[in-house]
PDB file of all heavy atoms in Angstrom:
ATOM      1  N   MET A   1       0.849  -1.205  -0.011  1.00  0.00           N
ATOM      2  CA  MET A   1       0.005  -0.022   0.005  1.00  0.00           C
ATOM      3  C   MET A   1       0.897   1.242  -0.004  1.00  0.00           C
ATOM      4  O   MET A   1       0.625   2.200  -0.768  1.00  0.00           O
ATOM      5  CB  MET A   1      -0.909   0.015   1.250  1.00  0.00           C
ATOM      6  CG  MET A   1      -1.876   1.194   1.245  1.00  0.00           C
ATOM      7  SD  MET A   1      -2.910   1.269   2.719  1.00  0.00           S
ATOM      8  CE  MET A   1      -1.709   1.825   3.896  1.00  0.00           C
ATOM      9  N   LYS A   2       1.915   1.258   0.809  1.00  0.00           N
ATOM     10  CA  LYS A   2       2.807   2.421   0.833  1.00  0.00           C
ATOM     11  C   LYS A   2       3.518   2.591  -0.464  1.00  0.00           C
ATOM     12  O   LYS A   2       3.726   3.734  -0.923  1.00  0.00           O
ATOM     13  CB  LYS A   2       3.819   2.287   1.988  1.00  0.00           C
ATOM     14  CG  LYS A   2       3.156   2.452   3.352  1.00  0.00           C
ATOM     15  CD  LYS A   2       4.115   2.313   4.483  1.00  0.00           C
ATOM     16  CE  LYS A   2       3.443   2.473   5.774  1.00  0.00           C
ATOM     17  NZ  LYS A   2       4.247   2.354   6.955  1.00  0.00           N
ATOM     18  N   GLU A   3       3.904   1.460  -1.095  1.00  0.00           N
ATOM     19  CA  GLU A   3       4.597   1.601  -2.409  1.00  0.00           C
ATOM     20  C   GLU A   3       3.599   2.171  -3.439  1.00  0.00           C
ATOM     21  O   GLU A   3       3.975   3.008  -4.281  1.00  0.00           O
ATOM     22  CB  GLU A   3       5.075   0.209  -2.903  1.00  0.00           C
ATOM     23  CG  GLU A   3       6.274  -0.313  -2.137  1.00  0.00           C
ATOM     24  CD  GLU A   3       6.596  -1.768  -2.458  1.00  0.00           C
ATOM     25  OE1 GLU A   3       5.845  -2.410  -3.274  1.00  0.00           O
ATOM     26  OE2 GLU A   3       7.612  -2.224  -1.929  1.00  0.00           O
ATOM     27  N   GLY A   4       2.344   1.680  -3.360  1.00  0.00           N
ATOM     28  CA  GLY A   4       1.307   2.178  -4.304  1.00  0.00           C
ATOM     29  C   GLY A   4       1.026   3.649  -4.106  1.00  0.00           C
ATOM     30  O   GLY A   4       0.912   4.419  -5.068  1.00  0.00           O
ATOM     31  N   GLU A   5       0.933   4.074  -2.820  1.00  0.00           N
ATOM     32  CA  GLU A   5       0.746   5.437  -2.517  1.00  0.00           C
ATOM     33  C   GLU A   5       1.931   6.344  -2.993  1.00  0.00           C
ATOM     34  O   GLU A   5       1.742   7.411  -3.511  1.00  0.00           O
ATOM     35  CB  GLU A   5       0.541   5.673  -0.999  1.00  0.00           C
ATOM     36  CG  GLU A   5      -0.837   5.157  -0.541  1.00  0.00           C
ATOM     37  CD  GLU A   5      -1.013   5.263   0.977  1.00  0.00           C
ATOM     38  OE1 GLU A   5      -0.018   5.301   1.713  1.00  0.00           O
ATOM     39  OE2 GLU A   5      -2.220   5.229   1.389  1.00  0.00           O
ATOM     40  N   ALA A   6       3.149   5.794  -2.791  1.00  0.00           N
ATOM     41  CA  ALA A   6       4.334   6.528  -3.249  1.00  0.00           C
ATOM     42  C   ALA A   6       4.330   6.691  -4.771  1.00  0.00           C
ATOM     43  O   ALA A   6       4.588   7.751  -5.285  1.00  0.00           O
ATOM     44  CB  ALA A   6       5.589   5.804  -2.776  1.00  0.00           C
ATOM     45  N   GLU A   7       3.979   5.595  -5.460  1.00  0.00           N
ATOM     46  CA  GLU A   7       3.937   5.683  -6.915  1.00  0.00           C
ATOM     47  C   GLU A   7       2.824   6.664  -7.399  1.00  0.00           C
ATOM     48  O   GLU A   7       2.984   7.416  -8.300  1.00  0.00           O
ATOM     49  CB  GLU A   7       3.747   4.303  -7.556  1.00  0.00           C
ATOM     50  CG  GLU A   7       3.887   4.275  -9.068  1.00  0.00           C
ATOM     51  CD  GLU A   7       3.808   2.882  -9.625  1.00  0.00           C
ATOM     52  OE1 GLU A   7       3.958   1.932  -8.907  1.00  0.00           O
ATOM     53  OE2 GLU A   7       3.584   2.813 -10.826  1.00  0.00           O
ATOM     54  N   LEU A   8       1.690   6.562  -6.706  1.00  0.00           N
ATOM     55  CA  LEU A   8       0.590   7.436  -6.996  1.00  0.00           C
ATOM     56  C   LEU A   8       1.009   8.896  -6.805  1.00  0.00           C
ATOM     57  O   LEU A   8       0.700   9.770  -7.621  1.00  0.00           O
ATOM     58  CB  LEU A   8      -0.635   7.090  -6.149  1.00  0.00           C
ATOM     59  CG  LEU A   8      -1.964   7.887  -6.377  1.00  0.00           C
ATOM     60  CD1 LEU A   8      -2.414   7.629  -7.831  1.00  0.00           C
ATOM     61  CD2 LEU A   8      -2.977   7.406  -5.380  1.00  0.00           C
ATOM     62  N   ALA A   9       1.653   9.187  -5.720  1.00  0.00           N
ATOM     63  CA  ALA A   9       2.096  10.554  -5.415  1.00  0.00           C
ATOM     64  C   ALA A   9       3.135  10.986  -6.532  1.00  0.00           C
ATOM     65  O   ALA A   9       3.072  12.159  -6.955  1.00  0.00           O
ATOM     66  CB  ALA A   9       2.733  10.623  -4.049  1.00  0.00           C
ATOM     67  N   ARG A  10       3.987  10.078  -6.928  1.00  0.00           N
ATOM     68  CA  ARG A  10       4.935  10.390  -7.956  1.00  0.00           C
ATOM     69  C   ARG A  10       4.285  10.712  -9.250  1.00  0.00           C
ATOM     70  O   ARG A  10       4.601  11.657  -9.958  1.00  0.00           O
ATOM     71  CB  ARG A  10       5.935   9.225  -8.171  1.00  0.00           C
ATOM     72  CG  ARG A  10       7.104   9.575  -9.100  1.00  0.00           C
ATOM     73  CD  ARG A  10       7.936   8.343  -9.351  1.00  0.00           C
ATOM     74  NE  ARG A  10       7.250   7.221  -9.872  1.00  0.00           N
ATOM     75  CZ  ARG A  10       6.918   7.047 -11.135  1.00  0.00           C
ATOM     76  NH1 ARG A  10       7.169   7.996 -12.002  1.00  0.00           N
ATOM     77  NH2 ARG A  10       6.223   5.987 -11.541  1.00  0.00           N
ATOM     78  N   LEU A  11       3.309   9.901  -9.559  1.00  0.00           N
ATOM     79  CA  LEU A  11       2.530  10.140 -10.888  1.00  0.00           C
ATOM     80  C   LEU A  11       1.802  11.445 -10.825  1.00  0.00           C
ATOM     81  O   LEU A  11       1.649  12.147 -11.853  1.00  0.00           O
ATOM     82  CB  LEU A  11       1.538   8.953 -11.172  1.00  0.00           C
ATOM     83  CG  LEU A  11       2.172   7.654 -11.590  1.00  0.00           C
ATOM     84  CD1 LEU A  11       1.137   6.565 -11.708  1.00  0.00           C
ATOM     85  CD2 LEU A  11       2.888   7.835 -12.961  1.00  0.00           C
ATOM     86  N   ARG A  12       1.269  11.759  -9.670  1.00  0.00           N
ATOM     87  CA  ARG A  12       0.508  13.016  -9.539  1.00  0.00           C
ATOM     88  C   ARG A  12       1.458  14.239  -9.670  1.00  0.00           C
ATOM     89  O   ARG A  12       1.095  15.292 -10.201  1.00  0.00           O
ATOM     90  CB  ARG A  12      -0.211  13.101  -8.217  1.00  0.00           C
ATOM     91  CG  ARG A  12      -1.422  12.250  -8.186  1.00  0.00           C
ATOM     92  CD  ARG A  12      -2.162  12.367  -6.859  1.00  0.00           C
ATOM     93  NE  ARG A  12      -3.286  11.499  -6.856  1.00  0.00           N
ATOM     94  CZ  ARG A  12      -3.924  11.058  -5.668  1.00  0.00           C
ATOM     95  NH1 ARG A  12      -3.425  11.494  -4.550  1.00  0.00           N
ATOM     96  NH2 ARG A  12      -4.944  10.282  -5.701  1.00  0.00           N
ATOM     97  N   SER A  13       2.706  14.100  -9.137  1.00  0.00           N
ATOM     98  CA  SER A  13       3.603  15.197  -9.153  1.00  0.00           C
ATOM     99  C   SER A  13       4.217  15.458 -10.593  1.00  0.00           C
ATOM    100  O   SER A  13       4.509  16.604 -10.945  1.00  0.00           O
ATOM    101  CB  SER A  13       4.760  14.985  -8.172  1.00  0.00           C
ATOM    102  OG  SER A  13       5.544  13.868  -8.610  1.00  0.00           O
ATOM    103  N   VAL A  14       4.351  14.415 -11.360  1.00  0.00           N
ATOM    104  CA  VAL A  14       4.771  14.558 -12.719  1.00  0.00           C
ATOM    105  C   VAL A  14       3.616  15.083 -13.543  1.00  0.00           C
ATOM    106  O   VAL A  14       2.465  14.824 -13.219  1.00  0.00           O
ATOM    107  CB  VAL A  14       5.251  13.192 -13.260  1.00  0.00           C
ATOM    108  CG1 VAL A  14       5.620  13.246 -14.749  1.00  0.00           C
ATOM    109  CG2 VAL A  14       6.370  12.620 -12.444  1.00  0.00           C
ATOM    110  N   GLU A  15       3.958  15.812 -14.556  1.00  0.00           N
ATOM    111  CA  GLU A  15       2.853  16.360 -15.388  1.00  0.00           C
ATOM    112  C   GLU A  15       2.013  15.162 -15.834  1.00  0.00           C
ATOM    113  O   GLU A  15       2.454  14.253 -16.575  1.00  0.00           O
ATOM    114  CB  GLU A  15       3.426  17.128 -16.582  1.00  0.00           C
ATOM    115  CG  GLU A  15       4.036  18.442 -16.191  1.00  0.00           C
ATOM    116  CD  GLU A  15       4.482  19.228 -17.401  1.00  0.00           C
ATOM    117  OE1 GLU A  15       3.945  19.040 -18.468  1.00  0.00           O
ATOM    118  OE2 GLU A  15       5.354  20.041 -17.206  1.00  0.00           O
ATOM    119  N   GLY A  16       0.834  15.153 -15.396  1.00  0.00           N
ATOM    120  CA  GLY A  16      -0.041  14.014 -15.604  1.00  0.00           C
ATOM    121  C   GLY A  16      -1.166  14.175 -16.546  1.00  0.00           C
ATOM    122  O   GLY A  16      -2.244  13.712 -16.252  1.00  0.00           O
ATOM    123  N   ASP A  17      -0.937  14.944 -17.653  1.00  0.00           N
ATOM    124  CA  ASP A  17      -1.995  15.138 -18.568  1.00  0.00           C
ATOM    125  C   ASP A  17      -2.157  13.928 -19.540  1.00  0.00           C
ATOM    126  O   ASP A  17      -3.201  13.908 -20.192  1.00  0.00           O
ATOM    127  CB  ASP A  17      -1.727  16.426 -19.361  1.00  0.00           C
ATOM    128  CG  ASP A  17      -1.917  17.643 -18.478  1.00  0.00           C
ATOM    129  OD1 ASP A  17      -2.613  17.529 -17.397  1.00  0.00           O
ATOM    130  OD2 ASP A  17      -1.410  18.709 -18.816  1.00  0.00           O
ATOM    131  N   LYS A  18      -1.244  13.047 -19.546  1.00  0.00           N
ATOM    132  CA  LYS A  18      -1.304  11.969 -20.490  1.00  0.00           C
ATOM    133  C   LYS A  18      -2.408  10.995 -19.998  1.00  0.00           C
ATOM    134  O   LYS A  18      -2.569  10.722 -18.833  1.00  0.00           O
ATOM    135  CB  LYS A  18       0.008  11.238 -20.606  1.00  0.00           C
ATOM    136  CG  LYS A  18       1.103  12.177 -21.181  1.00  0.00           C
ATOM    137  CD  LYS A  18       2.417  11.417 -21.214  1.00  0.00           C
ATOM    138  CE  LYS A  18       3.532  12.341 -21.627  1.00  0.00           C
ATOM    139  NZ  LYS A  18       4.841  11.647 -21.616  1.00  0.00           N
ATOM    140  N   LEU A  19      -3.080  10.406 -20.938  1.00  0.00           N
ATOM    141  CA  LEU A  19      -4.167   9.536 -20.660  1.00  0.00           C
ATOM    142  C   LEU A  19      -3.706   8.253 -19.985  1.00  0.00           C
ATOM    143  O   LEU A  19      -4.334   7.736 -19.093  1.00  0.00           O
ATOM    144  CB  LEU A  19      -4.943   9.142 -21.982  1.00  0.00           C
ATOM    145  CG  LEU A  19      -6.163   8.359 -21.864  1.00  0.00           C
ATOM    146  CD1 LEU A  19      -7.201   9.012 -20.978  1.00  0.00           C
ATOM    147  CD2 LEU A  19      -6.759   8.062 -23.235  1.00  0.00           C
ATOM    148  N   ALA A  20      -2.594   7.721 -20.400  1.00  0.00           N
ATOM    149  CA  ALA A  20      -2.054   6.446 -19.793  1.00  0.00           C
ATOM    150  C   ALA A  20      -1.745   6.689 -18.326  1.00  0.00           C
ATOM    151  O   ALA A  20      -2.005   5.763 -17.515  1.00  0.00           O
ATOM    152  CB  ALA A  20      -0.796   6.007 -20.565  1.00  0.00           C
ATOM    153  N   GLU A  21      -1.162   7.766 -17.972  1.00  0.00           N
ATOM    154  CA  GLU A  21      -0.830   8.071 -16.616  1.00  0.00           C
ATOM    155  C   GLU A  21      -2.094   8.220 -15.741  1.00  0.00           C
ATOM    156  O   GLU A  21      -2.128   7.789 -14.592  1.00  0.00           O
ATOM    157  CB  GLU A  21       0.059   9.304 -16.451  1.00  0.00           C
ATOM    158  CG  GLU A  21       1.475   9.036 -16.991  1.00  0.00           C
ATOM    159  CD  GLU A  21       2.323  10.345 -16.918  1.00  0.00           C
ATOM    160  OE1 GLU A  21       1.790  11.441 -16.626  1.00  0.00           O
ATOM    161  OE2 GLU A  21       3.522  10.231 -17.152  1.00  0.00           O
ATOM    162  N   GLN A  22      -3.141   8.819 -16.377  1.00  0.00           N
ATOM    163  CA  GLN A  22      -4.430   8.949 -15.621  1.00  0.00           C
ATOM    164  C   GLN A  22      -5.033   7.552 -15.384  1.00  0.00           C
ATOM    165  O   GLN A  22      -5.580   7.326 -14.297  1.00  0.00           O
ATOM    166  CB  GLN A  22      -5.374   9.840 -16.432  1.00  0.00           C
ATOM    167  CG  GLN A  22      -4.945  11.315 -16.441  1.00  0.00           C
ATOM    168  CD  GLN A  22      -5.878  12.132 -17.290  1.00  0.00           C
ATOM    169  OE1 GLN A  22      -6.785  11.632 -17.997  1.00  0.00           O
ATOM    170  NE2 GLN A  22      -5.690  13.470 -17.256  1.00  0.00           N
ATOM    171  N   ASP A  23      -4.971   6.695 -16.390  1.00  0.00           N
ATOM    172  CA  ASP A  23      -5.502   5.350 -16.177  1.00  0.00           C
ATOM    173  C   ASP A  23      -4.715   4.594 -15.055  1.00  0.00           C
ATOM    174  O   ASP A  23      -5.320   3.962 -14.248  1.00  0.00           O
ATOM    175  CB  ASP A  23      -5.416   4.530 -17.481  1.00  0.00           C
ATOM    176  CG  ASP A  23      -6.456   5.004 -18.490  1.00  0.00           C
ATOM    177  OD1 ASP A  23      -7.456   5.708 -18.042  1.00  0.00           O
ATOM    178  OD2 ASP A  23      -6.329   4.718 -19.699  1.00  0.00           O
ATOM    179  N   ARG A  24      -3.397   4.710 -15.166  1.00  0.00           N
ATOM    180  CA  ARG A  24      -2.561   4.050 -14.130  1.00  0.00           C
ATOM    181  C   ARG A  24      -2.859   4.610 -12.725  1.00  0.00           C
ATOM    182  O   ARG A  24      -2.936   3.862 -11.798  1.00  0.00           O
ATOM    183  CB  ARG A  24      -1.082   4.236 -14.474  1.00  0.00           C
ATOM    184  CG  ARG A  24      -0.098   3.669 -13.472  1.00  0.00           C
ATOM    185  CD  ARG A  24      -0.153   2.136 -13.537  1.00  0.00           C
ATOM    186  NE  ARG A  24       0.848   1.590 -12.600  1.00  0.00           N
ATOM    187  CZ  ARG A  24       0.645   0.495 -11.912  1.00  0.00           C
ATOM    188  NH1 ARG A  24      -0.439  -0.192 -12.057  1.00  0.00           N
ATOM    189  NH2 ARG A  24       1.583   0.080 -11.049  1.00  0.00           N
ATOM    190  N   SER A  25      -3.069   5.959 -12.693  1.00  0.00           N
ATOM    191  CA  SER A  25      -3.360   6.558 -11.417  1.00  0.00           C
ATOM    192  C   SER A  25      -4.701   6.052 -10.871  1.00  0.00           C
ATOM    193  O   SER A  25      -4.802   5.718  -9.677  1.00  0.00           O
ATOM    194  CB  SER A  25      -3.463   8.071 -11.652  1.00  0.00           C
ATOM    195  OG  SER A  25      -3.823   8.735 -10.415  1.00  0.00           O
ATOM    196  N   ALA A  26      -5.729   5.937 -11.698  1.00  0.00           N
ATOM    197  CA  ALA A  26      -7.021   5.444 -11.248  1.00  0.00           C
ATOM    198  C   ALA A  26      -6.887   3.966 -10.820  1.00  0.00           C
ATOM    199  O   ALA A  26      -7.494   3.555  -9.802  1.00  0.00           O
ATOM    200  CB  ALA A  26      -8.009   5.571 -12.380  1.00  0.00           C
ATOM    201  N   GLN A  27      -6.118   3.219 -11.547  1.00  0.00           N
ATOM    202  CA  GLN A  27      -5.885   1.801 -11.188  1.00  0.00           C
ATOM    203  C   GLN A  27      -5.215   1.660  -9.834  1.00  0.00           C
ATOM    204  O   GLN A  27      -5.565   0.839  -8.995  1.00  0.00           O
ATOM    205  CB  GLN A  27      -5.077   1.061 -12.304  1.00  0.00           C
ATOM    206  CG  GLN A  27      -4.841  -0.375 -12.030  1.00  0.00           C
ATOM    207  CD  GLN A  27      -3.920  -1.004 -13.078  1.00  0.00           C
ATOM    208  OE1 GLN A  27      -3.447  -0.378 -13.951  1.00  0.00           O
ATOM    209  NE2 GLN A  27      -3.627  -2.281 -12.907  1.00  0.00           N
ATOM    210  N   LEU A  28      -4.172   2.510  -9.626  1.00  0.00           N
ATOM    211  CA  LEU A  28      -3.478   2.475  -8.361  1.00  0.00           C
ATOM    212  C   LEU A  28      -4.362   2.907  -7.233  1.00  0.00           C
ATOM    213  O   LEU A  28      -4.289   2.331  -6.085  1.00  0.00           O
ATOM    214  CB  LEU A  28      -2.223   3.378  -8.407  1.00  0.00           C
ATOM    215  CG  LEU A  28      -1.038   2.783  -9.200  1.00  0.00           C
ATOM    216  CD1 LEU A  28       0.079   3.843  -9.323  1.00  0.00           C
ATOM    217  CD2 LEU A  28      -0.488   1.512  -8.563  1.00  0.00           C
ATOM    218  N   GLU A  29      -5.233   3.881  -7.415  1.00  0.00           N
ATOM    219  CA  GLU A  29      -6.122   4.324  -6.421  1.00  0.00           C
ATOM    220  C   GLU A  29      -7.085   3.163  -6.045  1.00  0.00           C
ATOM    221  O   GLU A  29      -7.400   2.973  -4.848  1.00  0.00           O
ATOM    222  CB  GLU A  29      -6.961   5.542  -6.889  1.00  0.00           C
ATOM    223  CG  GLU A  29      -6.140   6.842  -6.856  1.00  0.00           C
ATOM    224  CD  GLU A  29      -6.892   8.017  -7.330  1.00  0.00           C
ATOM    225  OE1 GLU A  29      -8.150   7.944  -7.599  1.00  0.00           O
ATOM    226  OE2 GLU A  29      -6.287   9.089  -7.450  1.00  0.00           O
ATOM    227  N   LYS A  30      -7.536   2.420  -7.051  1.00  0.00           N
ATOM    228  CA  LYS A  30      -8.440   1.311  -6.762  1.00  0.00           C
ATOM    229  C   LYS A  30      -7.714   0.216  -5.968  1.00  0.00           C
ATOM    230  O   LYS A  30      -8.251  -0.341  -5.042  1.00  0.00           O
ATOM    231  CB  LYS A  30      -8.946   0.675  -8.102  1.00  0.00           C
ATOM    232  CG  LYS A  30     -10.027   1.525  -8.757  1.00  0.00           C
ATOM    233  CD  LYS A  30     -10.454   0.836 -10.076  1.00  0.00           C
ATOM    234  CE  LYS A  30     -11.433   1.774 -10.795  1.00  0.00           C
ATOM    235  NZ  LYS A  30     -11.817   1.152 -12.086  1.00  0.00           N
ATOM    236  N   GLU A  31      -6.437  -0.040  -6.363  1.00  0.00           N
ATOM    237  CA  GLU A  31      -5.598  -1.042  -5.646  1.00  0.00           C
ATOM    238  C   GLU A  31      -5.413  -0.586  -4.200  1.00  0.00           C
ATOM    239  O   GLU A  31      -5.514  -1.431  -3.265  1.00  0.00           O
ATOM    240  CB  GLU A  31      -4.274  -1.183  -6.303  1.00  0.00           C
ATOM    241  CG  GLU A  31      -4.294  -2.106  -7.532  1.00  0.00           C
ATOM    242  CD  GLU A  31      -2.887  -2.351  -8.074  1.00  0.00           C
ATOM    243  OE1 GLU A  31      -1.911  -2.518  -7.229  1.00  0.00           O
ATOM    244  OE2 GLU A  31      -2.755  -2.400  -9.319  1.00  0.00           O
ATOM    245  N   VAL A  32      -5.097   0.672  -4.007  1.00  0.00           N
ATOM    246  CA  VAL A  32      -4.905   1.201  -2.637  1.00  0.00           C
ATOM    247  C   VAL A  32      -6.166   1.030  -1.785  1.00  0.00           C
ATOM    248  O   VAL A  32      -6.117   0.553  -0.644  1.00  0.00           O
ATOM    249  CB  VAL A  32      -4.419   2.682  -2.668  1.00  0.00           C
ATOM    250  CG1 VAL A  32      -4.525   3.285  -1.287  1.00  0.00           C
ATOM    251  CG2 VAL A  32      -2.997   2.728  -3.208  1.00  0.00           C
ATOM    252  N   ALA A  33      -7.312   1.336  -2.401  1.00  0.00           N
ATOM    253  CA  ALA A  33      -8.566   1.174  -1.658  1.00  0.00           C
ATOM    254  C   ALA A  33      -8.844  -0.296  -1.360  1.00  0.00           C
ATOM    255  O   ALA A  33      -9.273  -0.606  -0.245  1.00  0.00           O
ATOM    256  CB  ALA A  33      -9.698   1.786  -2.514  1.00  0.00           C
ATOM    257  N   MET A  34      -8.557  -1.146  -2.295  1.00  0.00           N
ATOM    258  CA  MET A  34      -8.755  -2.601  -2.111  1.00  0.00           C
ATOM    259  C   MET A  34      -7.806  -3.124  -0.999  1.00  0.00           C
ATOM    260  O   MET A  34      -8.222  -3.892  -0.134  1.00  0.00           O
ATOM    261  CB  MET A  34      -8.509  -3.319  -3.382  1.00  0.00           C
ATOM    262  CG  MET A  34      -8.914  -4.800  -3.319  1.00  0.00           C
ATOM    263  SD  MET A  34      -8.754  -5.633  -4.928  1.00  0.00           S
ATOM    264  CE  MET A  34      -7.020  -5.601  -5.187  1.00  0.00           C
ATOM    265  N   LEU A  35      -6.566  -2.639  -1.062  1.00  0.00           N
ATOM    266  CA  LEU A  35      -5.588  -3.047  -0.033  1.00  0.00           C
ATOM    267  C   LEU A  35      -5.999  -2.572   1.367  1.00  0.00           C
ATOM    268  O   LEU A  35      -5.842  -3.264   2.358  1.00  0.00           O
ATOM    269  CB  LEU A  35      -4.164  -2.587  -0.404  1.00  0.00           C
ATOM    270  CG  LEU A  35      -3.544  -3.269  -1.567  1.00  0.00           C
ATOM    271  CD1 LEU A  35      -2.222  -2.523  -1.942  1.00  0.00           C
ATOM    272  CD2 LEU A  35      -3.281  -4.789  -1.293  1.00  0.00           C
ATOM    273  N   ARG A  36      -6.476  -1.344   1.444  1.00  0.00           N
ATOM    274  CA  ARG A  36      -6.930  -0.819   2.707  1.00  0.00           C
ATOM    275  C   ARG A  36      -8.115  -1.704   3.239  1.00  0.00           C
ATOM    276  O   ARG A  36      -8.118  -1.999   4.436  1.00  0.00           O
ATOM    277  CB  ARG A  36      -7.420   0.647   2.573  1.00  0.00           C
ATOM    278  CG  ARG A  36      -6.279   1.589   2.538  1.00  0.00           C
ATOM    279  CD  ARG A  36      -6.789   3.024   2.609  1.00  0.00           C
ATOM    280  NE  ARG A  36      -5.689   3.935   2.575  1.00  0.00           N
ATOM    281  CZ  ARG A  36      -5.611   5.010   1.797  1.00  0.00           C
ATOM    282  NH1 ARG A  36      -6.596   5.311   0.980  1.00  0.00           N
ATOM    283  NH2 ARG A  36      -4.553   5.764   1.846  1.00  0.00           N
ATOM    284  N   GLU A  37      -9.031  -2.139   2.378  1.00  0.00           N
ATOM    285  CA  GLU A  37     -10.123  -2.975   2.829  1.00  0.00           C
ATOM    286  C   GLU A  37      -9.602  -4.316   3.320  1.00  0.00           C
ATOM    287  O   GLU A  37     -10.049  -4.820   4.310  1.00  0.00           O
ATOM    288  CB  GLU A  37     -11.080  -3.149   1.639  1.00  0.00           C
ATOM    289  CG  GLU A  37     -12.341  -3.892   1.996  1.00  0.00           C
ATOM    290  CD  GLU A  37     -13.314  -3.975   0.812  1.00  0.00           C
ATOM    291  OE1 GLU A  37     -13.443  -3.015   0.037  1.00  0.00           O
ATOM    292  OE2 GLU A  37     -13.959  -5.003   0.703  1.00  0.00           O
ATOM    293  N   LYS A  38      -8.606  -4.920   2.524  1.00  0.00           N
ATOM    294  CA  LYS A  38      -7.994  -6.169   2.986  1.00  0.00           C
ATOM    295  C   LYS A  38      -7.315  -6.009   4.321  1.00  0.00           C
ATOM    296  O   LYS A  38      -7.458  -6.889   5.182  1.00  0.00           O
ATOM    297  CB  LYS A  38      -6.990  -6.653   1.977  1.00  0.00           C
ATOM    298  CG  LYS A  38      -7.590  -7.337   0.742  1.00  0.00           C
ATOM    299  CD  LYS A  38      -6.522  -7.882  -0.146  1.00  0.00           C
ATOM    300  CE  LYS A  38      -7.115  -8.603  -1.346  1.00  0.00           C
ATOM    301  NZ  LYS A  38      -6.000  -9.181  -2.254  1.00  0.00           N
ATOM    302  N   ILE A  39      -6.608  -4.935   4.519  1.00  0.00           N
ATOM    303  CA  ILE A  39      -5.930  -4.726   5.773  1.00  0.00           C
ATOM    304  C   ILE A  39      -6.927  -4.579   6.919  1.00  0.00           C
ATOM    305  O   ILE A  39      -6.743  -5.156   7.985  1.00  0.00           O
ATOM    306  CB  ILE A  39      -5.013  -3.426   5.689  1.00  0.00           C
ATOM    307  CG1 ILE A  39      -3.822  -3.693   4.798  1.00  0.00           C
ATOM    308  CG2 ILE A  39      -4.617  -2.965   7.096  1.00  0.00           C
ATOM    309  CD1 ILE A  39      -2.992  -2.499   4.455  1.00  0.00           C
ATOM    310  N   HIS A  40      -7.980  -3.876   6.679  1.00  0.00           N
ATOM    311  CA  HIS A  40      -9.055  -3.739   7.681  1.00  0.00           C
ATOM    312  C   HIS A  40      -9.659  -5.095   8.020  1.00  0.00           C
ATOM    313  O   HIS A  40      -9.818  -5.448   9.225  1.00  0.00           O
ATOM    314  CB  HIS A  40     -10.159  -2.756   7.172  1.00  0.00           C
ATOM    315  CG  HIS A  40     -11.244  -2.594   8.160  1.00  0.00           C
ATOM    316  ND1 HIS A  40     -11.110  -1.925   9.311  1.00  0.00           N
ATOM    317  CD2 HIS A  40     -12.560  -3.010   8.164  1.00  0.00           C
ATOM    318  CE1 HIS A  40     -12.221  -1.932   9.967  1.00  0.00           C
ATOM    319  NE2 HIS A  40     -13.119  -2.588   9.306  1.00  0.00           N
ATOM    320  N   HIS A  41      -9.908  -5.915   7.028  1.00  0.00           N
ATOM    321  CA  HIS A  41     -10.442  -7.246   7.241  1.00  0.00           C
ATOM    322  C   HIS A  41      -9.439  -8.123   7.994  1.00  0.00           C
ATOM    323  O   HIS A  41      -9.790  -8.810   8.937  1.00  0.00           O
ATOM    324  CB  HIS A  41     -10.750  -7.895   5.850  1.00  0.00           C
ATOM    325  CG  HIS A  41     -11.265  -9.306   5.957  1.00  0.00           C
ATOM    326  ND1 HIS A  41     -12.530  -9.564   6.483  1.00  0.00           N
ATOM    327  CD2 HIS A  41     -10.711 -10.454   5.598  1.00  0.00           C
ATOM    328  CE1 HIS A  41     -12.728 -10.856   6.458  1.00  0.00           C
ATOM    329  NE2 HIS A  41     -11.635 -11.416   5.920  1.00  0.00           N
ATOM    330  N   LEU A  42      -8.163  -8.057   7.638  1.00  0.00           N
ATOM    331  CA  LEU A  42      -7.154  -8.814   8.342  1.00  0.00           C
ATOM    332  C   LEU A  42      -7.003  -8.358   9.792  1.00  0.00           C
ATOM    333  O   LEU A  42      -6.785  -9.200  10.681  1.00  0.00           O
ATOM    334  CB  LEU A  42      -5.764  -8.698   7.663  1.00  0.00           C
ATOM    335  CG  LEU A  42      -5.595  -9.635   6.454  1.00  0.00           C
ATOM    336  CD1 LEU A  42      -4.254  -9.358   5.766  1.00  0.00           C
ATOM    337  CD2 LEU A  42      -5.575 -11.066   6.928  1.00  0.00           C
ATOM    338  N   ASP A  43      -7.107  -7.088  10.023  1.00  0.00           N
ATOM    339  CA  ASP A  43      -7.056  -6.536  11.421  1.00  0.00           C
ATOM    340  C   ASP A  43      -8.181  -7.148  12.219  1.00  0.00           C
ATOM    341  O   ASP A  43      -7.999  -7.557  13.364  1.00  0.00           O
ATOM    342  CB  ASP A  43      -7.161  -5.023  11.428  1.00  0.00           C
ATOM    343  CG  ASP A  43      -5.802  -4.372  11.088  1.00  0.00           C
ATOM    344  OD1 ASP A  43      -4.774  -5.024  11.151  1.00  0.00           O
ATOM    345  OD2 ASP A  43      -5.864  -3.124  10.728  1.00  0.00           O
ATOM    346  N   ASP A  44      -9.417  -7.172  11.649  1.00  0.00           N
ATOM    347  CA  ASP A  44     -10.530  -7.782  12.367  1.00  0.00           C
ATOM    348  C   ASP A  44     -10.286  -9.289  12.645  1.00  0.00           C
ATOM    349  O   ASP A  44     -10.546  -9.743  13.785  1.00  0.00           O
ATOM    350  CB  ASP A  44     -11.807  -7.609  11.523  1.00  0.00           C
ATOM    351  CG  ASP A  44     -12.288  -6.173  11.471  1.00  0.00           C
ATOM    352  OD1 ASP A  44     -11.813  -5.326  12.302  1.00  0.00           O
ATOM    353  OD2 ASP A  44     -13.186  -5.832  10.616  1.00  0.00           O
TER     354      ASP A  44
END
């Protein structure tokens, strides 16, 4: 999750007008959300 967040932050900081970067960013956000949900489930 931290690696994904770091990559997401890096992608956001770079000029991100390209369509591929936006798709990757959306995909990483989904992965981060999914990982947070898994972590919450594992904690329980």
